[in-house]
Amino acid sequence: MARRSKYDPDETPKLAKQYAEQGMTNEEIAQCLGITRSTLYEWQNRHSEFMDALKKGKISTDTRVEQALLKRALGYQYEERKTITTDSSNRTEVYIKEVPPDTTAQIFWLKNRKPDEWRNAQPDDREKVEELIEGMKENARAVLQQETS
C-alpha cells in the first residue's frame, strides 16, 4: 500500500510562500514542511501551484532586499521624534536625520547591474565614486521632493 502524501493543495502552497517570504532556503522550507529536500523538488515538478507559490514568495523578499540596498546606496532621510518633558508640559521635537550614501552598497549594486563598466572598478577610484555619489544624491533629493509634493 502506497504511503499518503503530506501535500495538501489548499495549505501547502500557502505555507511554502510564507516560508519563502521569510527568506528561508529550500532546505529550510522542506524542513518546516516536514519533508526532504528531494520531496520539495518533486512537489515543484508535480504541482505548479506549489512552484508558483515558492517563486512569488522569493520574488517578494528579493524585491524588498533590492529596495533596501538601493536606499542604502543612495542615502536617505528620516524623521526622528523626541519628547521633551518639563514641569509644565510635554513637547515633541522633530529632527530630520540623514543617512549618507554607502559607497560599498553602490559598488556592489553597480558591479551586479553594470558588470561591463564596473567589473574592474576599485573602491579607491575616488573620482568616479565621488561623481557617482553626487549624482545619486541629486537623484535621491529629486525623489524625496516628488514624494513630499
Foldseek 3Di string as FASTA:
>chain_A
DDDDDLDDPVPQLVQLLVCLLVVDDLQVSCVVSVHGSVVLVVCVVVPVSSVVSNVNSNVNNVVVVVVVLLCQQLKDKDKDWDWDDDPVDIDIDIDIDIRAHDLVSVLVVCCVVPVVVRVPDDSPPVVVSVVVNVVSPVVRVVVVVVVVD
